[in-house]
C-alpha atoms as a PDB file:
ATOM      1  CA  MET A   1      -0.107   0.026   0.041  1.00  0.00           C
ATOM      2  CA  VAL A   2       2.873   2.367   0.920  1.00  0.00           C
ATOM      3  CA  ASP A   3       4.346   1.669  -2.653  1.00  0.00           C
ATOM      4  CA  ASN A   4       1.071   2.510  -4.312  1.00  0.00           C
ATOM      5  CA  ILE A   5       0.875   5.829  -2.336  1.00  0.00           C
ATOM      6  CA  ASN A   6       4.583   6.779  -3.347  1.00  0.00           C
ATOM      7  CA  ASN A   7       3.905   5.962  -7.014  1.00  0.00           C
ATOM      8  CA  ILE A   8       0.776   7.811  -7.148  1.00  0.00           C
ATOM      9  CA  LEU A   9       2.748  10.760  -5.579  1.00  0.00           C
ATOM     10  CA  LYS A  10       5.191  10.532  -8.335  1.00  0.00           C
ATOM     11  CA  ILE A  11       2.681  10.540 -11.007  1.00  0.00           C
ATOM     12  CA  ILE A  12       1.197  13.771  -9.534  1.00  0.00           C
ATOM     13  CA  LYS A  13       4.511  15.406  -9.275  1.00  0.00           C
ATOM     14  CA  LYS A  14       5.286  14.387 -13.016  1.00  0.00           C
ATOM     15  CA  ASN A  15       1.972  16.195 -14.030  1.00  0.00           C
ATOM     16  CA  LYS A  16       2.148  19.012 -11.635  1.00  0.00           C
ATOM     17  CA  LYS A  17       5.864  19.988 -11.048  1.00  0.00           C
ATOM     18  CA  LYS A  18       5.284  22.708  -8.634  1.00  0.00           C
ATOM     19  CA  ILE A  19       4.031  20.524  -6.140  1.00  0.00           C
ATOM     20  CA  ASP A  20       6.086  19.592  -3.309  1.00  0.00           C
ATOM     21  CA  ILE A  21       4.882  15.994  -2.674  1.00  0.00           C
ATOM     22  CA  SER A  22       6.541  15.854   0.689  1.00  0.00           C
ATOM     23  CA  LYS A  23       3.826  18.198   1.759  1.00  0.00           C
ATOM     24  CA  ILE A  24       0.908  16.163   0.612  1.00  0.00           C
ATOM     25  CA  ASN A  25      -1.018  14.197   3.209  1.00  0.00           C
ATOM     26  CA  GLU A  26      -3.153  11.302   2.250  1.00  0.00           C
ATOM     27  CA  LYS A  27      -6.378  13.058   2.936  1.00  0.00           C
ATOM     28  CA  ASP A  28      -5.597  16.541   1.485  1.00  0.00           C
ATOM     29  CA  ASN A  29      -7.914  17.665  -1.182  1.00  0.00           C
ATOM     30  CA  LEU A  30      -5.570  17.805  -4.118  1.00  0.00           C
ATOM     31  CA  ILE A  31      -7.821  19.913  -6.349  1.00  0.00           C
ATOM     32  CA  GLU A  32      -8.378  22.745  -3.690  1.00  0.00           C
ATOM     33  CA  GLN A  33      -5.067  22.680  -1.895  1.00  0.00           C
ATOM     34  CA  PHE A  34      -2.734  22.196  -4.575  1.00  0.00           C
ATOM     35  CA  ASN A  35      -4.774  23.861  -7.423  1.00  0.00           C
ATOM     36  CA  ILE A  36      -4.813  20.785  -9.758  1.00  0.00           C
ATOM     37  CA  ASN A  37      -6.995  21.735 -12.903  1.00  0.00           C
ATOM     38  CA  SER A  38      -9.202  19.494 -14.966  1.00  0.00           C
ATOM     39  CA  LEU A  39      -6.542  18.877 -17.687  1.00  0.00           C
ATOM     40  CA  GLU A  40      -4.088  18.043 -15.087  1.00  0.00           C
ATOM     41  CA  PHE A  41      -6.706  15.902 -13.338  1.00  0.00           C
ATOM     42  CA  ILE A  42      -7.227  13.826 -16.561  1.00  0.00           C
ATOM     43  CA  SER A  43      -3.565  13.526 -17.224  1.00  0.00           C
ATOM     44  CA  ILE A  44      -2.898  12.028 -13.652  1.00  0.00           C
ATOM     45  CA  MET A  45      -5.855   9.766 -14.139  1.00  0.00           C
ATOM     46  CA  THR A  46      -4.560   8.475 -17.322  1.00  0.00           C
ATOM     47  CA  GLU A  47      -0.895   7.916 -15.899  1.00  0.00           C
ATOM     48  CA  ILE A  48      -2.509   6.054 -13.057  1.00  0.00           C
ATOM     49  CA  GLU A  49      -4.591   3.894 -15.427  1.00  0.00           C
ATOM     50  CA  LYS A  50      -1.209   3.085 -17.401  1.00  0.00           C
ATOM     51  CA  TYR A  51       1.073   2.532 -14.286  1.00  0.00           C
ATOM     52  CA  PHE A  52      -1.389   0.529 -12.272  1.00  0.00           C
ATOM     53  CA  LYS A  53      -2.821  -1.363 -15.238  1.00  0.00           C
ATOM     54  CA  ILE A  54      -6.461  -0.710 -14.485  1.00  0.00           C
ATOM     55  CA  GLU A  55      -9.388   1.008 -16.399  1.00  0.00           C
ATOM     56  CA  ILE A  56     -11.296   3.879 -14.705  1.00  0.00           C
ATOM     57  CA  GLU A  57     -14.715   3.521 -15.703  1.00  0.00           C
ATOM     58  CA  SER A  58     -16.081   6.743 -17.235  1.00  0.00           C
ATOM     59  CA  GLU A  59     -19.111   6.935 -14.555  1.00  0.00           C
ATOM     60  CA  ASP A  60     -16.475   6.807 -11.960  1.00  0.00           C
ATOM     61  CA  LEU A  61     -14.313   9.565 -13.315  1.00  0.00           C
ATOM     62  CA  ILE A  62     -15.515  12.104 -11.122  1.00  0.00           C
ATOM     63  CA  ILE A  63     -13.149  14.517  -9.520  1.00  0.00           C
ATOM     64  CA  SER A  64     -14.774  13.943  -5.895  1.00  0.00           C
ATOM     65  CA  ASN A  65     -13.980  10.198  -6.300  1.00  0.00           C
ATOM     66  CA  PHE A  66     -10.090  10.969  -6.880  1.00  0.00           C
ATOM     67  CA  ASP A  67      -9.496  14.117  -4.871  1.00  0.00           C
ATOM     68  CA  THR A  68      -7.276  12.681  -2.306  1.00  0.00           C
ATOM     69  CA  ILE A  69      -4.453  10.219  -2.272  1.00  0.00           C
ATOM     70  CA  GLU A  70      -6.390   7.986  -0.064  1.00  0.00           C
ATOM     71  CA  LYS A  71      -9.263   7.758  -2.506  1.00  0.00           C
ATOM     72  CA  ILE A  72      -6.948   7.119  -5.366  1.00  0.00           C
ATOM     73  CA  ASN A  73      -5.283   4.324  -3.552  1.00  0.00           C
ATOM     74  CA  ASN A  74      -8.435   2.805  -2.451  1.00  0.00           C
ATOM     75  CA  TYR A  75      -9.770   3.058  -6.041  1.00  0.00           C
ATOM     76  CA  ILE A  76      -6.747   1.116  -7.307  1.00  0.00           C
ATOM     77  CA  LEU A  77      -6.938  -1.531  -4.521  1.00  0.00           C
ATOM     78  CA  LYS A  78     -10.648  -2.174  -5.300  1.00  0.00           C
ATOM     79  CA  LYS A  79      -9.834  -2.611  -8.972  1.00  0.00           C
ATOM     80  CA  ASN A  80      -7.044  -4.802  -8.356  1.00  0.00           C
ATOM     81  CA  SER A  81      -9.236  -7.194  -6.038  1.00  0.00           C
ATOM     82  CA  ASN A  82     -11.591  -7.560  -8.746  1.00  0.00           C
END
């Protein structure tokens, strides 16, 4: 699980270079606190799909479902358990 979180953080950093990922808490709202816009959000989700080899269903692709590291990680874990 820690590996997932570290990899999620790396993906975020790759897409939003100005973020200091050492300051991100698992429950921080990425959109509000780190000003991730919709294009960055889509890029991050696309990278997460590729890296973790999952498919994010279009009906799930709502910002509020993925606005924290914790929610992103839980989604990945859920997809990998299926």
